[in-house]
Every structure is written in C-alpha cells, then in structure tokens.
C-alpha cells in the first residue's frame, strides 16, 4: 500500500459526524419524546389523539381542534441519563495478540458518561373561528451530550458527542365536520453538533513505517534495539463541528365518533440535514519528535525521499478543513386512542413507529478527497416501535392525576452498537399531576423513570487497513443504562 493511502486513513478516522453521536437520547435511537409535562405523566399515551393539551400538536397537528379559545403553554424538561461502561477490553487490529502493542491501555470502566440536559417546549394556539385553529410550537426533537475521559479504553471510538436540534413549527388545523378534523404543519429544524475522538498517531506511524520496510526504512533504534515510533505513544485528537437547517412537514387526522372517544393519527416527514462544518486536529509534539528520530536512523537520500513522502502524506491527511455530511432524520407515524370510561376516568393508548431503517450509513466527506478519503460508518438500523398505555383521573375540583406505562424498542442491533449509541430496549414508568389555579391558569408536573436493558459493545477493527474501523481497533464491554425525567409546564387560556 502506498504512503498516501496509509496516512490518509488517519484523516478518515476522524469521527462519526452528528447522529452517530447519540448515546443517550430519551427515546429510541437519539430521539427525544419529552415534549410536555402532562404527556410525560401519561408516558405520552393517547397524545396524538389529544389526551392532554395543545402540546399534542407536536405529534398530530389536528388535535388543536379538541381545544377552545387562545392558549399559551411553556414548559421545561430535566433529563437525567446514566450510562456506565464496565468490563472493557480493547486491542489494535492488525497486531497479533501476543505483541505488547496489541492491548489498548486505559480504564476499562467509566463513571456516568451521559450528561443531563434541560429542554424547553413552547406551544401557542389561536382560535380564528370554531372550525379553524392556528398554532406555533418550538421543540427539541433530537439531542444528547456525552463525554468520556480522554484516556478511557474506548477513546479511539469516541470522546465527546453533542447533538442539538430545535424545531420551529407553524400549524393549521381545520374541523371538517363534527367528527373529523385535519391538520398540517411546516417544520424548520436547526441541527448543531460537536464530536471528538482520540487518534492513535503512534499506531499510524508504526504501520506506515512497516510498509516502507522493503524500501530499507527501519523503525528500530540501533542503539537501544527498541522501536522509535510505537502504538499508543502519540495520541492526538480530532474534533468535528457542524450545523445546518432542514425542512419538513407534519400532517394528521382526528376522528371523534362520540364525545367520549377520540382517535388520532399523525405523520412527521423525514428531514434531511446537509451538515457543513470543520474538522480540527490536535497533533502532539511526539509526532514530530518521532519523525525526526526516523530521519536520524535512516540516513541517505533515497530513504529520506521515502520519509519525506510519508511526512507530506501525513500533513495532508491531518489538515484542518471543511467537512460535510448528509444526515437523514427518520419519518415518524403515531396512532393514539382516548376513551372516557366514566366522567372521572379516561384510558389512553399510543403506538408510534419511527422509520430508523433509512439510517444505513453515515458518510463524512472532506473537501479534498484525494488526500482525505470519505469516512463511512455502517449503521444498518431497524425501525423501532413505542407502545404506551395510560390513565387520567379527574376526581373533581382543581386536581388531575395521570399514570402511564410504555415499552420502547431500540433500533440498534448488537452487531452495530457503538459507545456513541449504547442504545437498548426500555420500559417507561410515569406519573404526573395537574392543578388548575383559575379558569385561565394551570400547572402540570410529570415524572418518568426509564429502565433500560444492559447493552453490549463488541466492535471489530477487521482486516482491511483502508477501513476507518481498522485504526480504531477492537472494543468490547457492557453499558448499564438508566434515565430519570422531570417535567414542569404552565398553561394559560385567554
């Protein structure tokens, strides 16, 4: 393999841009279902059929027709995730296990790598006439922050992962008849991300010099008999940042066959984000020191020319510069049901299908592909399903009580799970309450504890030196995951 190909690889190991960066969002994959305190208390059961308040417009714009007058709703959700790695083992691909350079050093367990976050929601509705409502919502539909220590055993697979999105969504809902309503919405989505990972420049140099051995290049110091450049001795870092705007739509129907039953269906279109950003490399001084030592032990014009080529290819392959990536966020289909079984009790159910199967790969493109090849990460996700049931109790007076239970399947197969996305199947247990202080003002509170299965990581670097997985190496271990969510919102009616 040529010097150029070998060193370009270190640039292609840059990091998985954007979505592969989502270890702990609060729904399947890196989706955030947390869009209001009243819905939180029900595990979002019946939300697309209008089980709670105007916040249901996030899931189905048609639900606005279940409510009257002009309303404003503002809320905050505090998401407290926990993901702890243990029983870790890591080794370098391409180096026999018997070699002292095969194991990757570092702590084999971590503290909580997932970071807490507070996400806002805002909803507003205006009744233009009894059959026509318009609304506006601001939501955070996807997001996470996770941070591993710089020296952890999986550092070549990920250090920091941060994804932020914000949706701004104007909405229109129209009542066709006493039983049927429809709604549409336009979605403008802002996405912003920061990713970083360690890069084993010592391993890159070690392998590059080995490929030049037929040209007479040696890595052995004749005075000590030890290698000059070694794996793990020159760790650097690469950080990728990017942002974009993407656009989509929502549509929904609401069927109310009787005053006690509502059935709703909502659709959120897929949205493509054309991410543009920058890659920045942090290269330690030991890289230039190792290169200088190689020149010293490999004298002569011919060998110098080979080393010059190696140095030039390394400089080109690790140059800071623009990057782009195409991020396809999935379409979502929801179906909800509410049945008022007594004047005080309403039972609710919800099914949601998220089309993660569109997420086949993540491709990071550099501005100069001749020296920095595309980084391609195979994802092969599958569609996920969320199922929830809940109950609302209005005993009379100012109080409303809610409870919910949900099952949420993960879209990530064991074969493709990474430390950036240690997702697993989840069980939601929720409770909440609302209190109406006056005809025009109310507060709602919701709490959810999510029990997540342990998830395993068993990544292989493979045997292809041109693969970006090769220099990241092999990694195995177990993640223990859990999440607590608190939500509070205020509602005004005018």
Protein backbone atom coordinates (compact mmCIF):
# COMPACT_ATOMS: atom_id res chain seq x y z
CA UNK A 1 0.00 0.00 0.00
CA UNK A 2 1.26 3.50 -0.79
CA UNK A 3 2.30 6.04 1.81
CA UNK A 4 -0.52 8.27 0.62
CA UNK A 5 -3.16 5.64 1.30
CA UNK A 6 -1.81 4.82 4.71
CA UNK A 7 -1.73 8.33 6.09
CA UNK A 8 -4.98 9.42 4.50
CA UNK A 9 -6.52 6.81 6.73
CA UNK A 10 -5.75 8.81 9.84
CA UNK A 11 -7.93 11.60 8.48
CA UNK A 12 -10.71 9.20 7.59
CA UNK A 13 -10.82 8.02 11.21
CA UNK A 14 -11.88 11.50 12.16
CA UNK A 15 -15.15 10.84 13.95
CA UNK A 16 -18.65 9.85 13.17
CA UNK A 17 -20.33 13.12 12.34
CA UNK A 18 -23.60 14.04 14.03
CA UNK A 19 -26.01 11.27 14.50
CA UNK A 20 -23.71 8.53 15.28
CA UNK A 21 -23.13 10.71 18.25
CA UNK A 22 -26.17 9.85 20.22
CA UNK A 23 -25.64 7.54 23.06
CA UNK A 24 -28.39 8.66 25.32
CA UNK A 25 -31.34 10.44 23.96
CA UNK A 26 -34.53 9.58 25.78
CA UNK A 27 -36.38 7.58 23.16
CA UNK A 28 -35.22 5.02 20.64
CA UNK A 29 -32.02 5.96 18.89
CA UNK A 30 -31.39 9.59 19.71
CA UNK A 31 -34.99 10.78 19.54
CA UNK A 32 -36.46 12.98 22.29
CA UNK A 33 -40.08 12.17 23.03
CA UNK A 34 -40.12 14.54 26.01
CA UNK A 35 -42.41 17.30 24.74
CA UNK A 36 -44.56 18.35 27.70
CA UNK A 37 -45.22 17.66 31.37
CA UNK A 38 -48.82 16.49 31.02
CA UNK A 39 -47.89 13.99 28.33
CA UNK A 40 -44.88 12.90 30.41
CA UNK A 41 -47.18 11.81 33.23
CA UNK A 42 -49.03 9.50 30.80
CA UNK A 43 -45.90 8.10 29.08
CA UNK A 44 -47.43 10.00 26.12
CA UNK A 45 -50.30 7.54 25.84
CA UNK A 46 -53.08 8.93 23.62
CA UNK A 47 -51.07 12.07 22.89
CA UNK A 48 -51.76 12.01 19.14
CA UNK A 49 -55.48 11.81 19.91
CA UNK A 50 -55.40 14.84 22.21
CA UNK A 51 -55.19 13.12 25.60
CA UNK A 52 -53.77 16.15 27.42
CA UNK A 53 -53.50 19.67 25.99
CA UNK A 54 -52.36 21.64 22.94
CA UNK A 55 -48.87 20.10 23.30
CA UNK A 56 -50.29 17.17 21.34
CA UNK A 57 -49.77 19.27 18.18
CA UNK A 58 -46.13 18.07 18.19
CA UNK A 59 -47.38 14.56 17.41
CA UNK A 60 -50.55 15.37 15.44
CA UNK A 61 -51.44 18.93 14.33
CA UNK A 62 -55.15 18.01 14.09
CA UNK A 63 -55.53 17.75 17.89
CA UNK A 64 -55.80 21.53 18.15
CA UNK A 65 -59.47 21.12 17.31
CA UNK A 66 -60.07 19.39 20.65
CA UNK A 67 -59.40 22.69 22.44
CA UNK A 68 -61.04 26.09 22.52
CA UNK A 69 -60.01 29.73 22.75
CA UNK A 70 -56.48 31.06 22.71
CA UNK A 71 -53.83 29.25 24.72
CA UNK A 72 -50.17 29.53 25.63
CA UNK A 73 -48.09 26.75 27.14
CA UNK A 74 -44.45 26.93 28.30
CA UNK A 75 -42.51 24.06 29.85
CA UNK A 76 -39.14 22.62 30.75
CA UNK A 77 -37.96 19.03 30.99
CA UNK A 78 -34.94 17.95 33.04
CA UNK A 79 -33.43 14.79 31.56
CA UNK A 80 -31.05 12.86 33.84
CA UNK A 81 -29.49 9.93 31.96
CA UNK A 82 -26.89 7.48 33.24
CA UNK A 83 -24.66 5.27 31.10
CA UNK A 84 -21.73 3.49 32.73
CA UNK A 85 -19.24 1.28 30.89
CA UNK A 86 -17.64 -1.78 32.52
CA UNK A 87 -15.71 -4.99 31.75
CA UNK A 88 -13.94 -3.23 28.88
CA UNK A 89 -11.28 -4.77 26.66
CA UNK A 90 -9.61 -3.18 23.64
CA UNK A 91 -6.85 -4.13 21.22
CA UNK A 92 -5.36 -2.91 17.98
CA UNK A 93 -6.38 -4.58 14.74
CA UNK A 94 -3.51 -5.88 12.64
CA UNK A 95 -1.22 -6.59 15.61
CA UNK A 96 -1.09 -10.16 16.99
CA UNK A 97 -2.46 -10.57 20.49
CA UNK A 98 0.97 -11.78 21.66
CA UNK A 99 2.54 -8.42 20.81
CA UNK A 100 2.98 -5.89 23.64
CA UNK A 101 1.50 -3.29 21.27
CA UNK A 102 -1.80 -5.13 20.79
CA UNK A 103 -3.64 -4.13 24.01
CA UNK A 104 -5.02 -0.59 24.21
CA UNK A 105 -4.36 0.90 27.61
CA UNK A 106 -6.81 2.90 29.71
CA UNK A 107 -9.55 2.49 32.31
CA UNK A 108 -11.80 -0.47 31.49
CA UNK A 109 -14.77 1.14 33.24
CA UNK A 110 -16.19 4.66 33.40
CA UNK A 111 -18.41 6.80 35.54
CA UNK A 112 -21.55 8.30 34.09
CA UNK A 113 -20.69 9.41 30.55
CA UNK A 114 -24.12 10.85 29.78
CA UNK A 115 -24.77 14.49 30.63
CA UNK A 116 -28.03 15.89 31.96
CA UNK A 117 -29.94 18.49 29.98
CA UNK A 118 -32.89 20.84 30.33
CA UNK A 119 -35.02 21.09 27.19
CA UNK A 120 -37.74 23.73 26.61
CA UNK A 121 -41.14 23.50 24.96
CA UNK A 122 -43.41 26.29 23.80
CA UNK A 123 -46.90 25.97 22.32
CA UNK A 124 -49.40 28.63 21.31
CA UNK A 125 -52.88 28.34 19.75
CA UNK A 126 -55.28 30.91 18.33
CA UNK A 127 -58.89 30.09 17.50
CA UNK A 128 -59.73 32.05 14.36
CA UNK A 129 -63.25 30.60 14.39
CA UNK A 130 -64.87 27.46 15.85
CA UNK A 131 -63.54 25.33 12.98
CA UNK A 132 -60.14 26.89 12.26
CA UNK A 133 -57.17 26.92 14.65
CA UNK A 134 -53.60 28.02 14.06
CA UNK A 135 -50.66 27.21 16.28
CA UNK A 136 -46.95 27.59 16.78
CA UNK A 137 -44.58 25.26 18.62
CA UNK A 138 -40.88 25.25 19.50
CA UNK A 139 -39.41 21.86 20.42
CA UNK A 140 -36.18 19.89 20.77
CA UNK A 141 -36.88 16.61 18.90
CA UNK A 142 -33.37 15.08 18.94
CA UNK A 143 -30.41 15.69 21.21
CA UNK A 144 -27.77 14.47 23.64
CA UNK A 145 -24.46 15.21 25.28
CA UNK A 146 -21.98 12.53 26.33
CA UNK A 147 -18.38 12.84 27.48
CA UNK A 148 -15.75 10.18 28.13
CA UNK A 149 -12.36 10.75 29.75
CA UNK A 150 -9.50 11.34 27.31
CA UNK A 151 -7.68 8.17 28.41
CA UNK A 152 -10.56 5.67 28.56
CA UNK A 153 -10.11 2.37 26.79
CA UNK A 154 -12.56 3.22 24.01
CA UNK A 155 -11.16 6.70 23.27
CA UNK A 156 -10.47 5.88 19.61
CA UNK A 157 -14.20 5.22 19.15
CA UNK A 158 -15.41 8.40 20.83
CA UNK A 159 -14.75 11.11 23.42
CA UNK A 160 -17.32 13.91 23.28
CA UNK A 161 -20.62 13.69 21.43
CA UNK A 162 -23.06 16.59 21.44
CA UNK A 163 -26.14 16.94 19.24
CA UNK A 164 -28.66 19.75 19.48
CA UNK A 165 -31.78 20.29 17.38
CA UNK A 166 -34.57 22.85 17.52
CA UNK A 167 -37.86 22.71 15.60
CA UNK A 168 -39.93 25.80 14.81
CA UNK A 169 -43.35 24.64 13.61
CA UNK A 170 -46.31 26.78 12.48
CA UNK A 171 -49.51 24.72 12.39
CA UNK A 172 -53.04 24.89 10.93
CA UNK A 173 -55.95 22.67 11.98
CA UNK A 174 -59.40 22.56 10.37
CA UNK A 175 -62.58 20.82 11.56
CA UNK A 176 -64.27 19.24 8.54
CA UNK A 177 -67.31 18.00 10.44
CA UNK A 178 -68.46 17.27 13.95
CA UNK A 179 -66.46 14.02 13.87
CA UNK A 180 -63.48 14.71 11.61
CA UNK A 181 -60.57 17.18 11.81
CA UNK A 182 -57.30 17.52 9.94
CA UNK A 183 -54.10 19.46 10.41
CA UNK A 184 -50.81 20.29 8.71
CA UNK A 185 -47.60 21.93 9.88
CA UNK A 186 -44.35 23.19 8.39
CA UNK A 187 -41.15 22.21 10.24
CA UNK A 188 -37.92 24.21 10.16
CA UNK A 189 -35.20 22.30 12.02
CA UNK A 190 -31.83 23.60 13.15
CA UNK A 191 -29.18 20.94 13.86
CA UNK A 192 -25.82 21.53 15.53
CA UNK A 193 -23.20 19.01 16.62
CA UNK A 194 -19.75 18.58 18.09
CA UNK A 195 -17.89 15.27 18.05
CA UNK A 196 -14.40 14.33 19.11
CA UNK A 197 -12.31 11.20 19.39
CA UNK A 198 -8.72 10.27 20.06
CA UNK A 199 -6.46 9.27 17.14
CA UNK A 200 -3.55 6.87 17.65
CA UNK A 201 -0.92 8.65 15.56
CA UNK A 202 1.73 6.35 17.03
CA UNK A 203 -0.07 3.36 15.54
CA UNK A 204 -0.47 5.17 12.22
CA UNK A 205 3.28 5.87 12.09
CA UNK A 206 4.16 2.35 13.23
CA UNK A 207 2.13 0.80 10.42
CA UNK A 208 3.28 3.34 7.83
CA UNK A 209 6.96 2.69 8.53
CA UNK A 210 6.36 -1.07 8.44
CA UNK A 211 5.03 -0.70 4.89
CA UNK A 212 8.25 1.06 3.91
CA UNK A 213 10.46 -1.77 5.20
CA UNK A 214 11.06 -3.13 1.66
CA UNK A 215 12.48 0.29 0.76
CA UNK A 216 15.07 -0.05 3.55
CA UNK A 217 13.25 2.07 6.11
CA UNK A 218 13.64 0.77 9.68
CA UNK A 219 11.81 1.62 12.87
CA UNK A 220 14.41 0.06 15.20
CA UNK A 221 16.84 2.32 17.05
CA UNK A 222 20.25 0.62 16.59
CA UNK A 223 21.46 1.88 19.98
CA UNK A 224 18.56 0.56 22.06
CA UNK A 225 17.07 -2.14 19.85
CA UNK A 226 13.63 -0.67 20.55
CA UNK A 227 11.10 0.76 18.07
CA UNK A 228 11.27 4.52 17.52
CA UNK A 229 7.55 5.01 16.90
CA UNK A 230 5.10 2.80 18.79
CA UNK A 231 1.32 2.45 19.08
CA UNK A 232 -0.21 4.43 21.92
CA UNK A 233 2.79 6.74 22.31
CA UNK A 234 1.43 9.71 20.32
CA UNK A 235 -2.29 10.09 20.92
CA UNK A 236 -3.88 13.12 19.33
CA UNK A 237 -7.46 14.26 18.94
CA UNK A 238 -9.79 15.31 16.18
CA UNK A 239 -12.87 17.46 16.74
CA UNK A 240 -15.65 17.85 14.20
CA UNK A 241 -18.28 20.59 14.46
CA UNK A 242 -21.13 21.24 12.05
CA UNK A 243 -24.61 22.70 11.65
CA UNK A 244 -27.42 23.04 9.15
CA UNK A 245 -31.10 23.82 8.56
CA UNK A 246 -33.51 21.15 7.33
CA UNK A 247 -37.19 21.36 6.41
CA UNK A 248 -40.15 19.02 6.53
CA UNK A 249 -43.85 18.79 7.39
CA UNK A 250 -46.39 17.18 9.66
CA UNK A 251 -49.92 16.05 8.90
CA UNK A 252 -52.66 14.42 10.93
CA UNK A 253 -56.26 13.37 11.26
CA UNK A 254 -58.55 13.29 14.27
CA UNK A 255 -61.74 11.18 14.46
CA UNK A 256 -64.22 11.71 17.31
CA UNK A 257 -67.07 9.22 16.78
CA UNK A 258 -68.63 10.16 20.13
CA UNK A 259 -67.98 12.77 22.78
CA UNK A 260 -66.16 10.11 24.84
CA UNK A 261 -63.82 8.68 22.17
CA UNK A 262 -61.05 10.24 20.11
CA UNK A 263 -58.72 8.55 17.64
CA UNK A 264 -55.79 10.39 16.11
CA UNK A 265 -53.09 9.65 13.58
CA UNK A 266 -50.04 11.84 12.99
CA UNK A 267 -47.20 11.79 10.49
CA UNK A 268 -43.83 13.56 10.72
CA UNK A 269 -41.88 13.56 7.47
CA UNK A 270 -38.25 12.55 7.23
CA UNK A 271 -35.91 15.55 7.20
CA UNK A 272 -32.52 15.64 5.53
CA UNK A 273 -29.85 17.80 7.11
CA UNK A 274 -26.94 18.75 4.84
CA UNK A 275 -24.37 19.34 7.55
CA UNK A 276 -21.46 21.68 6.89
CA UNK A 277 -18.65 22.12 9.39
CA UNK A 278 -14.96 21.81 10.14
CA UNK A 279 -12.51 19.17 11.30
CA UNK A 280 -9.71 20.27 13.63
CA UNK A 281 -6.75 18.03 14.50
CA UNK A 282 -4.70 18.28 17.70
CA UNK A 283 -1.32 16.66 16.98
CA UNK A 284 1.04 16.04 19.94
CA UNK A 285 4.73 17.06 19.82
CA UNK A 286 5.72 13.39 19.99
CA UNK A 287 4.68 13.03 16.34
CA UNK A 288 7.33 15.44 15.07
CA UNK A 289 9.86 14.03 17.55
CA UNK A 290 9.25 10.50 16.27
CA UNK A 291 9.54 11.63 12.65
CA UNK A 292 12.84 13.39 13.39
CA UNK A 293 14.16 10.21 15.01
CA UNK A 294 13.19 8.19 11.94
CA UNK A 295 15.20 10.54 9.71
CA UNK A 296 18.16 10.14 12.07
CA UNK A 297 18.26 6.34 11.95
CA UNK A 298 17.51 6.18 8.21
CA UNK A 299 20.26 8.27 6.55
CA UNK A 300 20.71 8.59 2.82
CA UNK A 301 18.98 10.47 0.04
CA UNK A 302 16.80 7.57 -1.11
CA UNK A 303 15.44 6.75 2.34
CA UNK A 304 15.00 10.46 3.06
CA UNK A 305 12.82 10.74 -0.04
CA UNK A 306 10.55 7.95 1.23
CA UNK A 307 10.28 9.57 4.63
CA UNK A 308 9.57 12.94 3.00
CA UNK A 309 6.67 11.33 1.17
CA UNK A 310 5.40 9.81 4.41
CA UNK A 311 5.60 13.18 6.20
CA UNK A 312 3.87 15.02 3.35
CA UNK A 313 1.06 12.48 3.20
CA UNK A 314 0.58 12.71 6.96
CA UNK A 315 0.43 16.53 6.84
CA UNK A 316 -2.15 16.44 4.02
CA UNK A 317 -4.21 13.73 5.68
CA UNK A 318 -4.45 15.59 9.00
CA UNK A 319 -5.02 19.07 7.62
CA UNK A 320 -7.75 21.13 9.29
CA UNK A 321 -10.56 21.97 6.91
CA UNK A 322 -14.22 21.78 5.85
CA UNK A 323 -16.31 18.64 6.16
CA UNK A 324 -19.84 17.79 5.04
CA UNK A 325 -22.28 15.03 5.87
CA UNK A 326 -25.82 14.09 4.95
CA UNK A 327 -27.97 13.32 7.98
CA UNK A 328 -31.35 11.71 7.28
CA UNK A 329 -33.62 12.03 10.31
CA UNK A 330 -36.47 9.50 10.24
CA UNK A 331 -40.16 9.77 9.48
CA UNK A 332 -42.47 9.04 12.43
CA UNK A 333 -46.04 7.68 12.39
CA UNK A 334 -48.25 7.81 15.51
CA UNK A 335 -51.68 6.40 16.34
CA UNK A 336 -53.50 7.34 19.54
CA UNK A 337 -56.75 6.45 21.30
CA UNK A 338 -58.61 8.02 24.24
CA UNK A 339 -61.76 6.57 25.81
CA UNK A 340 -63.56 8.34 28.65
CA UNK A 341 -64.93 5.35 30.54
CA UNK A 342 -66.52 7.39 33.36
CA UNK A 343 -66.89 11.13 33.94
CA UNK A 344 -63.71 10.97 36.05
CA UNK A 345 -61.55 8.37 34.25
CA UNK A 346 -60.05 8.37 30.75
CA UNK A 347 -57.99 5.48 29.38
CA UNK A 348 -55.41 6.15 26.68
CA UNK A 349 -53.14 4.20 24.34
CA UNK A 350 -50.46 5.11 21.81
CA UNK A 351 -48.40 3.33 19.15
CA UNK A 352 -45.52 5.07 17.42
CA UNK A 353 -43.32 3.75 14.62
CA UNK A 354 -40.03 5.50 13.86
CA UNK A 355 -38.50 4.65 10.48
CA UNK A 356 -34.88 4.33 11.54
CA UNK A 357 -34.27 1.75 8.81
CA UNK A 358 -33.47 4.66 6.48
CA UNK A 359 -30.31 5.18 8.51
CA UNK A 360 -27.99 2.81 6.65
CA UNK A 361 -24.68 4.65 6.90
CA UNK A 362 -23.04 7.85 7.98
CA UNK A 363 -20.63 9.32 5.43
CA UNK A 364 -18.24 12.12 6.30
CA UNK A 365 -16.79 13.94 3.28
CA UNK A 366 -13.69 16.15 3.24
CA UNK A 367 -13.11 19.00 0.83
CA UNK A 368 -10.09 17.26 -0.73
CA UNK A 369 -10.93 13.56 -1.22
CA UNK A 370 -7.58 12.95 -2.94
CA UNK A 371 -5.79 13.29 0.41
CA UNK A 372 -8.63 12.77 2.90
CA UNK A 373 -10.89 9.88 1.96
CA UNK A 374 -14.56 9.68 2.95
CA UNK A 375 -15.23 8.22 6.37
CA UNK A 376 -18.10 5.72 6.13
CA UNK A 377 -19.69 4.15 9.19
CA UNK A 378 -22.16 1.32 8.61
CA UNK A 379 -25.23 1.72 10.82
CA UNK A 380 -27.93 -0.64 9.42
CA UNK A 381 -30.53 0.46 11.95
CA UNK A 382 -34.03 -1.00 12.03
CA UNK A 383 -37.43 0.60 12.58
CA UNK A 384 -38.41 0.99 16.23
CA UNK A 385 -41.78 0.78 17.96
CA UNK A 386 -43.08 2.63 21.03
CA UNK A 387 -46.26 1.39 22.76
CA UNK A 388 -47.85 3.19 25.72
CA UNK A 389 -50.95 2.90 27.88
CA UNK A 390 -52.14 5.39 30.47
CA UNK A 391 -54.98 6.61 32.63
CA UNK A 392 -56.19 10.06 33.66
CA UNK A 393 -58.25 10.63 36.79
CA UNK A 394 -60.17 13.86 37.39
CA UNK A 395 -61.78 13.42 40.81
CA UNK A 396 -63.40 16.83 40.71
CA UNK A 397 -62.08 20.18 41.76
CA UNK A 398 -58.74 21.52 40.60
CA UNK A 399 -56.64 18.34 40.50
CA UNK A 400 -55.90 15.97 37.59
CA UNK A 401 -53.85 12.79 38.14
CA UNK A 402 -52.05 10.76 35.47
CA UNK A 403 -50.12 7.48 35.18
CA UNK A 404 -48.56 5.66 32.25
CA UNK A 405 -46.50 2.67 31.18
CA UNK A 406 -44.61 2.23 27.90
CA UNK A 407 -42.29 -0.12 26.04
CA UNK A 408 -39.70 1.36 23.68
CA UNK A 409 -37.64 -0.82 21.33
CA UNK A 410 -34.11 0.12 20.30
CA UNK A 411 -33.21 0.47 16.60
CA UNK A 412 -29.58 -0.62 17.09
CA UNK A 413 -28.61 -4.26 16.56
CA UNK A 414 -25.90 -5.77 18.76
CA UNK A 415 -23.55 -6.10 15.79
CA UNK A 416 -23.56 -2.34 15.11
CA UNK A 417 -23.82 -0.79 18.59
CA UNK A 418 -21.05 1.74 19.38
CA UNK A 419 -20.03 3.65 22.53
CA UNK A 420 -21.62 6.69 20.92
CA UNK A 421 -25.01 4.91 20.80
CA UNK A 422 -25.21 2.19 23.50
CA UNK A 423 -28.97 2.07 23.00
CA UNK A 424 -31.17 -0.72 24.41
CA UNK A 425 -34.84 -1.62 24.81
CA UNK A 426 -36.55 0.45 27.51
CA UNK A 427 -39.52 0.37 29.86
CA UNK A 428 -41.18 3.64 30.94
CA UNK A 429 -42.96 4.10 34.27
CA UNK A 430 -44.63 7.52 34.56
CA UNK A 431 -46.80 9.56 36.89
CA UNK A 432 -47.99 13.14 36.92
CA UNK A 433 -50.45 15.70 38.19
CA UNK A 434 -52.04 18.95 37.13
CA UNK A 435 -53.59 21.73 39.19
CA UNK A 436 -55.87 24.44 37.81
CA UNK A 437 -55.44 27.62 39.86
CA UNK A 438 -58.08 29.51 37.90
CA UNK A 439 -60.03 29.30 34.67
CA UNK A 440 -57.08 30.84 32.85
CA UNK A 441 -54.03 29.28 34.53
CA UNK A 442 -52.80 25.76 35.34
CA UNK A 443 -49.57 23.95 36.19
CA UNK A 444 -48.63 20.36 35.23
CA UNK A 445 -45.91 18.08 36.54
CA UNK A 446 -44.69 14.78 35.10
CA UNK A 447 -42.07 12.20 36.09
CA UNK A 448 -40.74 9.14 34.27
CA UNK A 449 -38.24 6.50 35.33
CA UNK A 450 -36.87 4.55 32.37
CA UNK A 451 -35.47 1.07 32.95
CA UNK A 452 -33.08 0.18 30.14
CA UNK A 453 -31.57 -3.20 29.46
CA UNK A 454 -27.82 -3.58 29.68
CA UNK A 455 -26.25 -3.18 26.25
CA UNK A 456 -23.08 -4.78 24.98
CA UNK A 457 -20.45 -3.47 22.59
CA UNK A 458 -18.34 -5.90 20.57
CA UNK A 459 -16.66 -3.97 17.78
CA UNK A 460 -14.01 -5.42 15.49
CA UNK A 461 -11.38 -3.46 13.62
CA UNK A 462 -11.38 -6.07 10.87
CA UNK A 463 -8.58 -6.90 8.48
CA UNK A 464 -8.88 -4.09 5.92
CA UNK A 465 -6.31 -1.34 6.60
CA UNK A 466 -8.35 1.04 4.42
CA UNK A 467 -11.35 0.76 6.78
CA UNK A 468 -11.80 3.56 9.29
CA UNK A 469 -12.62 0.87 11.87
CA UNK A 470 -9.17 -0.68 11.48
CA UNK A 471 -7.20 2.03 13.30
CA UNK A 472 -9.89 2.39 15.99
CA UNK A 473 -9.30 -1.24 16.89
CA UNK A 474 -11.39 -3.82 18.72
CA UNK A 475 -13.57 -2.87 21.68
CA UNK A 476 -15.88 -4.89 23.91
CA UNK A 477 -17.71 -4.18 27.14
CA UNK A 478 -21.08 -3.60 28.79
CA UNK A 479 -23.14 -0.45 29.33
CA UNK A 480 -25.55 -0.12 32.24
CA UNK A 481 -28.21 2.46 31.43
CA UNK A 482 -30.99 4.25 33.32
CA UNK A 483 -32.85 7.54 32.92
CA UNK A 484 -34.97 9.82 35.13
CA UNK A 485 -37.07 12.63 33.65
CA UNK A 486 -38.83 15.53 35.43
CA UNK A 487 -41.08 17.95 33.57
CA UNK A 488 -42.98 21.11 34.56
CA UNK A 489 -45.19 23.32 32.45
CA UNK A 490 -47.53 26.31 32.79
CA UNK A 491 -50.72 26.78 30.74
CA UNK A 492 -52.63 29.99 30.14
CA UNK A 493 -56.03 30.34 28.47
CA UNK A 494 -57.30 33.67 27.11
